[in-house]
Structures are given as C-alpha cells and as structure tokens.
Amino acid sequence: MRLIASLALALLTCLAGPASAQEYGRPQAMVALQPLPETETPDIEALLKTHWRAYYNAGGPFGFFRDQVRAGRIDLNEDGRAELFVLIDSPAWLSDKGQPLLVAQWTAKGWTPIGWGFADSDSVFVTSGRVEGWATLETQSQWLRWNGAGYQALEKPTRRAP
C-alpha cells in the first residue's frame, strides 16, 4: 500500500512541474494595457527610444509605431507610486511566449526597467504572491518574480497534450 501511495505522490509531483501556481499566488488584478493616448507621452516615448532605438518609429520588418504600443500602470510594491508596463503589440514581435513586455519603475532619471518578459495585452495579472513587498506577476507563459533587484522571468511548465 505504501508503494502505491509513494508512486502516486511521485506521479503528481512530476505532473505539477518544478513549481506550482500556488507558489506564486493567485491572480488578484489584471494590468490594463491600453493603446498610448493621442496626447504626447514624453516619458514613455523616451523609454521606447532608449530600449527599442532601432525599431521604434522605424520601417523594416521589425519596426513599430506608437499605435502598436500598449501601456498600463499599477503599484507593485504598495509605495503609492505606480510602475509602468509597456507591451509591443506588433505581429512582427509575436513569439510562442507572447509579445515583449517591459516593467519599469520611476526614478529621478525617468523610467528604469526592472523586468522583462512576454505577455499578451489581456494576460498580465498581479498575483497575491509577494517577495520583499513586491507583487509577483503572471502572464500566459511566465511568472515574473522579484529577485531583490528586479523581476526575473520564470517559464511556466508547458502542458502536454493527453
């Protein structure tokens, strides 16, 4: 009987993968990623020009423009200041994991990246999980978890077809 119970437990552990969703918390709020407003957004423009210089407002197969950018803000560490989420919503940037997602924190020098990952415009959630006061994030393919200096992207286990 113990052998059967041990085998069942081992099977369940293998199926759960390296980490279960409970370790990262349950989704509490969706980050609303909206198209950039028609009015000027110099702070976000500066971020885009810095980190996607060769592609933002450029032609070519991977070029994209402001109408292909989505942004949202939510306070991740409960300090009263919202962090910025920027998603490149261009078909050329789509991968199996989603589209590029940048998480940034406001500093005296402007927006500074604190995490990179992949998401879709309707799949970024703040979870109940916290590390050092920072909320864990969930997308369709990754968890973004605070590592003391920024968000580290952790791949979700892929589900196998039955």
Protein backbone atom coordinates (compact mmCIF):
# COMPACT_ATOMS: atom_id res chain seq x y z
CA MET A 1 0.00 0.00 0.00
CA ARG A 2 2.84 2.39 0.84
CA LEU A 3 4.44 1.65 -2.51
CA ILE A 4 1.25 2.66 -4.35
CA ALA A 5 0.93 5.86 -2.31
CA SER A 6 4.60 6.70 -2.98
CA LEU A 7 4.17 6.10 -6.71
CA ALA A 8 1.03 8.26 -6.80
CA LEU A 9 2.81 11.07 -4.97
CA ALA A 10 5.80 10.84 -7.34
CA LEU A 11 3.47 10.96 -10.36
CA LEU A 12 1.66 14.03 -9.04
CA THR A 13 4.98 15.77 -8.35
CA CYS A 14 6.15 15.12 -11.93
CA LEU A 15 2.89 16.38 -13.41
CA ALA A 16 2.98 19.57 -11.35
CA GLY A 17 6.38 20.52 -12.79
CA PRO A 18 9.11 22.39 -10.97
CA ALA A 19 6.77 24.90 -9.36
CA SER A 20 3.06 25.01 -8.79
CA ALA A 21 0.87 28.05 -9.34
CA GLN A 22 0.17 28.25 -5.61
CA GLU A 23 3.83 29.20 -5.01
CA TYR A 24 3.31 32.39 -6.99
CA GLY A 25 -0.08 33.37 -5.62
CA ARG A 26 -3.49 33.68 -7.18
CA PRO A 27 -4.35 36.41 -9.71
CA GLN A 28 -5.78 39.47 -7.95
CA ALA A 29 -5.87 42.18 -10.61
CA MET A 30 -5.40 42.41 -14.35
CA VAL A 31 -2.99 45.07 -15.59
CA ALA A 32 -5.00 47.12 -18.10
CA LEU A 33 -2.70 47.52 -21.11
CA GLN A 34 -4.21 50.22 -23.29
CA PRO A 35 -3.06 51.93 -26.50
CA LEU A 36 -1.00 55.03 -25.84
CA PRO A 37 -3.15 58.17 -25.64
CA GLU A 38 -3.19 60.52 -28.62
CA THR A 39 -1.67 63.26 -26.48
CA GLU A 40 2.08 63.36 -26.03
CA THR A 41 3.68 60.94 -23.61
CA PRO A 42 7.32 62.10 -23.49
CA ASP A 43 8.21 59.83 -20.57
CA ILE A 44 7.06 56.70 -22.40
CA GLU A 45 8.48 57.95 -25.71
CA ALA A 46 11.90 58.32 -24.06
CA LEU A 47 11.70 54.75 -22.75
CA LEU A 48 10.76 53.40 -26.18
CA LYS A 49 13.53 55.35 -27.91
CA THR A 50 16.09 54.12 -25.39
CA HIS A 51 15.28 50.42 -25.41
CA TRP A 52 13.99 49.96 -28.96
CA ARG A 53 16.00 52.67 -30.74
CA ALA A 54 16.46 50.74 -33.99
CA TYR A 55 12.79 49.75 -34.20
CA TYR A 56 10.60 52.44 -32.67
CA ASN A 57 9.24 54.80 -35.35
CA ALA A 58 11.25 52.89 -37.94
CA GLY A 59 10.35 50.93 -41.03
CA GLY A 60 11.55 47.46 -41.85
CA PRO A 61 10.27 44.07 -40.80
CA PHE A 62 10.54 44.76 -37.05
CA GLY A 63 9.76 48.47 -36.99
CA PHE A 64 6.78 49.62 -34.95
CA PHE A 65 4.97 52.86 -34.14
CA ARG A 66 3.12 54.25 -31.13
CA ASP A 67 -0.19 52.72 -32.26
CA GLN A 68 1.45 49.31 -31.73
CA VAL A 69 2.40 50.03 -28.12
CA ARG A 70 0.22 49.34 -25.11
CA ALA A 71 0.89 50.65 -21.65
CA GLY A 72 -0.54 50.33 -18.18
CA ARG A 73 0.31 51.36 -14.64
CA ILE A 74 -0.17 49.64 -11.32
CA ASP A 75 1.57 49.90 -7.95
CA LEU A 76 3.53 46.67 -7.44
CA ASN A 77 5.18 47.36 -4.08
CA GLU A 78 2.47 49.42 -2.35
CA ASP A 79 4.64 52.54 -2.10
CA GLY A 80 1.93 54.77 -3.59
CA ARG A 81 3.71 55.09 -6.98
CA ALA A 82 2.60 53.04 -9.94
CA GLU A 83 5.07 51.08 -12.01
CA LEU A 84 4.79 51.20 -15.82
CA PHE A 85 4.10 48.25 -18.11
CA VAL A 86 4.89 48.56 -21.83
CA LEU A 87 3.92 45.88 -24.36
CA ILE A 88 4.96 45.85 -28.04
CA ASP A 89 1.71 44.85 -29.76
CA SER A 90 3.07 44.23 -33.24
CA PRO A 91 2.66 40.98 -35.21
CA ALA A 92 6.37 41.08 -36.10
CA TRP A 93 7.28 40.79 -32.41
CA LEU A 94 4.92 37.92 -31.57
CA SER A 95 6.59 34.74 -30.28
CA ASP A 96 5.33 31.47 -28.82
CA LYS A 97 5.57 33.09 -25.37
CA GLY A 98 3.71 36.27 -26.34
CA GLN A 99 4.92 39.78 -27.09
CA PRO A 100 7.74 41.72 -25.38
CA LEU A 101 6.75 43.18 -22.03
CA LEU A 102 8.78 45.72 -20.08
CA VAL A 103 8.14 46.63 -16.44
CA ALA A 104 9.67 49.94 -15.33
CA GLN A 105 9.96 51.97 -12.14
CA TRP A 106 10.09 55.78 -12.00
CA THR A 107 13.43 57.24 -10.85
CA ALA A 108 14.99 60.70 -10.93
CA LYS A 109 16.27 59.83 -14.43
CA GLY A 110 12.88 58.69 -15.74
CA TRP A 111 11.56 55.17 -16.27
CA THR A 112 14.10 52.48 -15.45
CA PRO A 113 13.46 48.85 -16.45
CA ILE A 114 13.05 46.45 -13.55
CA GLY A 115 11.80 43.46 -15.53
CA TRP A 116 11.37 41.95 -18.97
CA GLY A 117 9.09 39.15 -20.06
CA PHE A 118 6.46 38.10 -22.58
CA ALA A 119 2.70 38.60 -22.45
CA ASP A 120 -0.43 39.37 -24.43
CA SER A 121 -2.40 42.55 -23.91
CA ASP A 122 -5.02 40.77 -21.83
CA SER A 123 -2.85 38.29 -19.91
CA VAL A 124 -0.86 40.30 -17.35
CA PHE A 125 -2.02 39.77 -13.78
CA VAL A 126 -0.79 40.89 -10.39
CA THR A 127 -0.94 37.93 -8.00
CA SER A 128 -1.29 37.64 -4.25
CA GLY A 129 2.29 36.35 -4.05
CA ARG A 130 4.88 38.83 -2.73
CA VAL A 131 8.64 38.82 -2.35
CA GLU A 132 10.16 41.63 -0.27
CA GLY A 133 6.87 43.52 -0.67
CA TRP A 134 6.83 43.27 -4.47
CA ALA A 135 3.88 41.51 -6.11
CA THR A 136 4.51 38.54 -8.36
CA LEU A 137 3.20 38.89 -11.92
CA GLU A 138 1.64 36.22 -14.10
CA THR A 139 1.34 36.06 -17.89
CA GLN A 140 0.15 33.21 -20.08
CA SER A 141 3.70 31.81 -20.37
CA GLN A 142 5.67 33.18 -17.40
CA TRP A 143 5.73 34.33 -13.82
CA LEU A 144 7.75 37.46 -13.13
CA ARG A 145 9.02 37.28 -9.59
CA TRP A 146 11.02 39.86 -7.63
CA ASN A 147 14.60 38.69 -7.01
CA GLY A 148 15.78 41.57 -4.80
CA ALA A 149 16.93 43.80 -7.66
CA GLY A 150 14.27 43.38 -10.32
CA TYR A 151 11.77 40.98 -11.84
CA GLN A 152 13.05 37.63 -13.05
CA ALA A 153 11.02 35.83 -15.71
CA LEU A 154 10.33 32.20 -14.82
CA GLU A 155 8.90 29.97 -17.52
CA LYS A 156 5.68 28.15 -16.78
CA PRO A 157 5.76 24.40 -17.38
CA THR A 158 4.29 23.53 -20.75
CA ARG A 159 1.26 21.32 -20.65
CA ARG A 160 1.43 18.13 -22.60
CA ALA A 161 -1.46 17.01 -24.73
CA PRO A 162 -3.28 13.94 -23.36
